[in-house]
Amino acid sequence: MKNMQAIEYTTNAQNGIITLQLPVKKKEVRIIVIWDNEDENVAPRNYDINALENLVCKAKDLNAFNPIKDPVEWQKQIRNEW
């Protein structure tokens, strides 16, 4: 088992580039980049992902999809109704 250390930095990317000053020399490091996905250019979700997941689970429990023998054909029929 490797002995690992972690350091958390918060910085701003400039044109997709970040600069880090690490207290190690000549060692392999792993970098994980996490950013806030909320952007003024991105529309907010108009649904609750947890509620949607719960509904899908309920549909599965009710065997709501059992009558569908050919899913591809079923999707084509549904799309033709639009």
N, C-alpha and C. Protein backbone atom coordinates (compact mmCIF):
# COMPACT_ATOMS: atom_id res chain seq x y z
N MET A 1 0.84 -1.17 0.00
CA MET A 1 0.00 0.00 0.00
C MET A 1 0.89 1.24 0.00
N LYS A 2 0.58 2.17 -0.89
CA LYS A 2 1.37 3.39 -0.99
C LYS A 2 0.97 4.39 0.09
N ASN A 3 1.96 5.10 0.59
CA ASN A 3 1.71 6.20 1.49
C ASN A 3 1.50 7.44 0.63
N MET A 4 0.31 8.00 0.67
CA MET A 4 0.00 9.13 -0.20
C MET A 4 -0.29 10.36 0.63
N GLN A 5 -0.07 11.50 0.03
CA GLN A 5 -0.40 12.77 0.63
C GLN A 5 -1.27 13.53 -0.35
N ALA A 6 -2.09 14.42 0.15
CA ALA A 6 -2.95 15.23 -0.70
C ALA A 6 -2.85 16.68 -0.29
N ILE A 7 -2.91 17.53 -1.27
CA ILE A 7 -2.93 18.97 -1.05
C ILE A 7 -4.06 19.51 -1.90
N GLU A 8 -4.88 20.36 -1.33
CA GLU A 8 -5.96 20.97 -2.09
C GLU A 8 -5.61 22.42 -2.39
N TYR A 9 -5.67 22.78 -3.68
CA TYR A 9 -5.45 24.14 -4.12
C TYR A 9 -6.73 24.64 -4.77
N THR A 10 -7.01 25.89 -4.60
CA THR A 10 -8.07 26.53 -5.37
C THR A 10 -7.41 27.61 -6.20
N THR A 11 -7.66 27.57 -7.49
CA THR A 11 -7.04 28.53 -8.40
C THR A 11 -8.00 28.81 -9.54
N ASN A 12 -7.70 29.78 -10.34
CA ASN A 12 -8.52 30.10 -11.51
C ASN A 12 -7.78 29.72 -12.78
N ALA A 13 -8.50 29.12 -13.69
CA ALA A 13 -7.92 28.77 -14.98
C ALA A 13 -7.91 30.02 -15.87
N GLN A 14 -6.83 30.19 -16.58
CA GLN A 14 -6.70 31.28 -17.54
C GLN A 14 -6.58 30.65 -18.93
N ASN A 15 -7.63 30.77 -19.73
CA ASN A 15 -7.65 30.15 -21.07
C ASN A 15 -7.40 28.65 -20.99
N GLY A 16 -7.96 28.02 -19.97
CA GLY A 16 -7.84 26.57 -19.83
C GLY A 16 -6.53 26.11 -19.21
N ILE A 17 -5.70 27.03 -18.73
CA ILE A 17 -4.39 26.67 -18.16
C ILE A 17 -4.38 27.03 -16.68
N ILE A 18 -3.90 26.09 -15.87
CA ILE A 18 -3.71 26.37 -14.45
C ILE A 18 -2.24 26.18 -14.12
N THR A 19 -1.77 26.91 -13.14
CA THR A 19 -0.38 26.80 -12.70
C THR A 19 -0.39 26.35 -11.25
N LEU A 20 0.40 25.32 -10.96
CA LEU A 20 0.50 24.80 -9.61
C LEU A 20 1.94 24.84 -9.16
N GLN A 21 2.14 25.19 -7.92
CA GLN A 21 3.46 25.13 -7.31
C GLN A 21 3.41 24.01 -6.29
N LEU A 22 4.03 22.89 -6.60
CA LEU A 22 3.97 21.72 -5.75
C LEU A 22 5.24 21.58 -4.92
N PRO A 23 5.10 21.13 -3.68
CA PRO A 23 6.26 20.98 -2.80
C PRO A 23 6.99 19.65 -3.00
N VAL A 24 7.03 19.14 -4.23
CA VAL A 24 7.73 17.88 -4.52
C VAL A 24 8.59 18.09 -5.76
N LYS A 25 9.66 17.34 -5.85
CA LYS A 25 10.54 17.39 -7.02
C LYS A 25 10.73 15.97 -7.52
N LYS A 26 10.64 15.79 -8.82
CA LYS A 26 10.90 14.51 -9.46
C LYS A 26 10.08 13.37 -8.87
N LYS A 27 8.80 13.60 -8.69
CA LYS A 27 7.91 12.55 -8.24
C LYS A 27 6.70 12.53 -9.15
N GLU A 28 6.13 11.36 -9.29
CA GLU A 28 4.88 11.25 -10.03
C GLU A 28 3.76 11.80 -9.16
N VAL A 29 2.92 12.63 -9.74
CA VAL A 29 1.79 13.18 -9.02
C VAL A 29 0.51 12.90 -9.82
N ARG A 30 -0.60 12.81 -9.11
CA ARG A 30 -1.90 12.69 -9.75
C ARG A 30 -2.62 14.00 -9.57
N ILE A 31 -3.25 14.45 -10.64
CA ILE A 31 -4.00 15.70 -10.59
C ILE A 31 -5.47 15.39 -10.84
N ILE A 32 -6.34 15.86 -9.97
CA ILE A 32 -7.78 15.75 -10.17
C ILE A 32 -8.31 17.18 -10.24
N VAL A 33 -9.01 17.50 -11.31
CA VAL A 33 -9.54 18.85 -11.50
C VAL A 33 -11.05 18.80 -11.31
N ILE A 34 -11.54 19.63 -10.42
CA ILE A 34 -12.97 19.71 -10.14
C ILE A 34 -13.39 21.16 -10.33
N TRP A 35 -14.46 21.38 -11.07
CA TRP A 35 -14.93 22.74 -11.25
C TRP A 35 -16.44 22.80 -11.06
N ASP A 36 -16.90 23.97 -10.76
CA ASP A 36 -18.32 24.22 -10.57
C ASP A 36 -18.98 24.18 -11.94
N ASN A 37 -19.94 23.33 -12.10
CA ASN A 37 -20.58 23.16 -13.40
C ASN A 37 -21.63 24.22 -13.67
N GLU A 38 -21.93 25.05 -12.69
CA GLU A 38 -22.91 26.10 -12.89
C GLU A 38 -22.24 27.26 -13.62
N ASP A 39 -22.78 27.58 -14.78
CA ASP A 39 -22.21 28.63 -15.61
C ASP A 39 -23.37 29.49 -16.10
N GLU A 40 -23.15 30.76 -16.20
CA GLU A 40 -24.24 31.62 -16.65
C GLU A 40 -24.68 31.30 -18.08
N ASN A 41 -23.86 30.58 -18.84
CA ASN A 41 -24.22 30.22 -20.21
C ASN A 41 -24.96 28.89 -20.30
N VAL A 42 -25.10 28.20 -19.17
CA VAL A 42 -25.75 26.89 -19.15
C VAL A 42 -27.12 27.03 -18.52
N ALA A 43 -28.13 26.56 -19.21
CA ALA A 43 -29.49 26.63 -18.69
C ALA A 43 -29.63 25.69 -17.50
N PRO A 44 -30.33 26.10 -16.47
CA PRO A 44 -30.54 25.21 -15.32
C PRO A 44 -31.45 24.05 -15.71
N ARG A 45 -31.29 22.95 -15.01
CA ARG A 45 -32.16 21.81 -15.27
C ARG A 45 -33.60 22.18 -14.95
N ASN A 46 -34.49 21.70 -15.77
CA ASN A 46 -35.90 21.95 -15.50
C ASN A 46 -36.55 20.72 -14.87
N TYR A 47 -35.74 19.88 -14.25
CA TYR A 47 -36.25 18.68 -13.61
C TYR A 47 -35.38 18.35 -12.41
N ASP A 48 -35.93 17.54 -11.53
CA ASP A 48 -35.21 17.07 -10.35
C ASP A 48 -34.69 15.67 -10.66
N ILE A 49 -33.37 15.52 -10.76
CA ILE A 49 -32.76 14.25 -11.16
C ILE A 49 -33.13 13.13 -10.19
N ASN A 50 -33.25 13.43 -8.90
CA ASN A 50 -33.62 12.41 -7.92
C ASN A 50 -35.06 11.96 -8.10
N ALA A 51 -35.95 12.90 -8.38
CA ALA A 51 -37.35 12.54 -8.61
C ALA A 51 -37.48 11.69 -9.87
N LEU A 52 -36.73 12.04 -10.90
CA LEU A 52 -36.76 11.27 -12.14
C LEU A 52 -36.25 9.86 -11.91
N GLU A 53 -35.18 9.72 -11.15
CA GLU A 53 -34.64 8.39 -10.84
C GLU A 53 -35.65 7.56 -10.06
N ASN A 54 -36.33 8.19 -9.11
CA ASN A 54 -37.35 7.48 -8.34
C ASN A 54 -38.50 7.00 -9.22
N LEU A 55 -38.92 7.84 -10.17
CA LEU A 55 -40.00 7.45 -11.07
C LEU A 55 -39.61 6.27 -11.95
N VAL A 56 -38.37 6.27 -12.43
CA VAL A 56 -37.91 5.16 -13.26
C VAL A 56 -37.88 3.87 -12.43
N CYS A 57 -37.44 3.95 -11.20
CA CYS A 57 -37.42 2.77 -10.33
C CYS A 57 -38.84 2.26 -10.08
N LYS A 58 -39.78 3.18 -9.87
CA LYS A 58 -41.17 2.77 -9.65
C LYS A 58 -41.73 2.09 -10.90
N ALA A 59 -41.42 2.64 -12.07
CA ALA A 59 -41.90 2.03 -13.32
C ALA A 59 -41.33 0.63 -13.47
N LYS A 60 -40.07 0.46 -13.10
CA LYS A 60 -39.45 -0.86 -13.16
C LYS A 60 -40.16 -1.82 -12.21
N ASP A 61 -40.43 -1.37 -10.98
CA ASP A 61 -41.09 -2.21 -9.99
C ASP A 61 -42.51 -2.59 -10.41
N LEU A 62 -43.16 -1.71 -11.17
CA LEU A 62 -44.53 -1.98 -11.64
C LEU A 62 -44.54 -2.83 -12.91
N ASN A 63 -43.35 -3.18 -13.39
CA ASN A 63 -43.22 -3.93 -14.65
C ASN A 63 -43.88 -3.20 -15.81
N ALA A 64 -43.80 -1.88 -15.79
CA ALA A 64 -44.45 -1.05 -16.80
C ALA A 64 -43.90 -1.30 -18.21
N PHE A 65 -42.67 -1.80 -18.30
CA PHE A 65 -42.06 -2.00 -19.60
C PHE A 65 -42.12 -3.44 -20.09
N ASN A 66 -42.71 -4.33 -19.29
CA ASN A 66 -42.79 -5.74 -19.68
C ASN A 66 -43.52 -5.97 -21.00
N PRO A 67 -44.60 -5.23 -21.31
CA PRO A 67 -45.30 -5.50 -22.57
C PRO A 67 -44.48 -5.15 -23.82
N ILE A 68 -43.39 -4.44 -23.67
CA ILE A 68 -42.59 -4.01 -24.82
C ILE A 68 -41.69 -5.17 -25.23
N LYS A 69 -42.00 -5.76 -26.38
CA LYS A 69 -41.23 -6.90 -26.87
C LYS A 69 -40.03 -6.45 -27.70
N ASP A 70 -40.19 -5.37 -28.48
CA ASP A 70 -39.13 -4.86 -29.34
C ASP A 70 -38.93 -3.38 -29.01
N PRO A 71 -37.96 -3.05 -28.16
CA PRO A 71 -37.78 -1.66 -27.72
C PRO A 71 -37.52 -0.68 -28.86
N VAL A 72 -36.81 -1.11 -29.88
CA VAL A 72 -36.51 -0.21 -31.00
C VAL A 72 -37.79 0.12 -31.75
N GLU A 73 -38.59 -0.87 -32.02
CA GLU A 73 -39.86 -0.65 -32.71
C GLU A 73 -40.80 0.21 -31.86
N TRP A 74 -40.81 -0.05 -30.56
CA TRP A 74 -41.64 0.73 -29.65
C TRP A 74 -41.25 2.21 -29.70
N GLN A 75 -39.93 2.49 -29.69
CA GLN A 75 -39.46 3.88 -29.78
C GLN A 75 -39.87 4.52 -31.09
N LYS A 76 -39.79 3.78 -32.18
CA LYS A 76 -40.20 4.33 -33.49
C LYS A 76 -41.68 4.69 -33.47
N GLN A 77 -42.50 3.83 -32.89
CA GLN A 77 -43.93 4.11 -32.82
C GLN A 77 -44.21 5.35 -31.97
N ILE A 78 -43.53 5.45 -30.85
CA ILE A 78 -43.71 6.61 -29.96
C ILE A 78 -43.32 7.90 -30.70
N ARG A 79 -42.23 7.87 -31.42
CA ARG A 79 -41.76 9.06 -32.14
C ARG A 79 -42.70 9.43 -33.27
N ASN A 80 -43.33 8.45 -33.89
CA ASN A 80 -44.26 8.73 -34.98
C ASN A 80 -45.51 9.45 -34.47
N GLU A 81 -45.81 9.30 -33.19
CA GLU A 81 -46.98 9.98 -32.62
C GLU A 81 -46.76 11.48 -32.51
N TRP A 82 -45.51 11.93 -32.53
CA TRP A 82 -45.22 13.36 -32.42
C TRP A 82 -45.39 14.00 -33.76
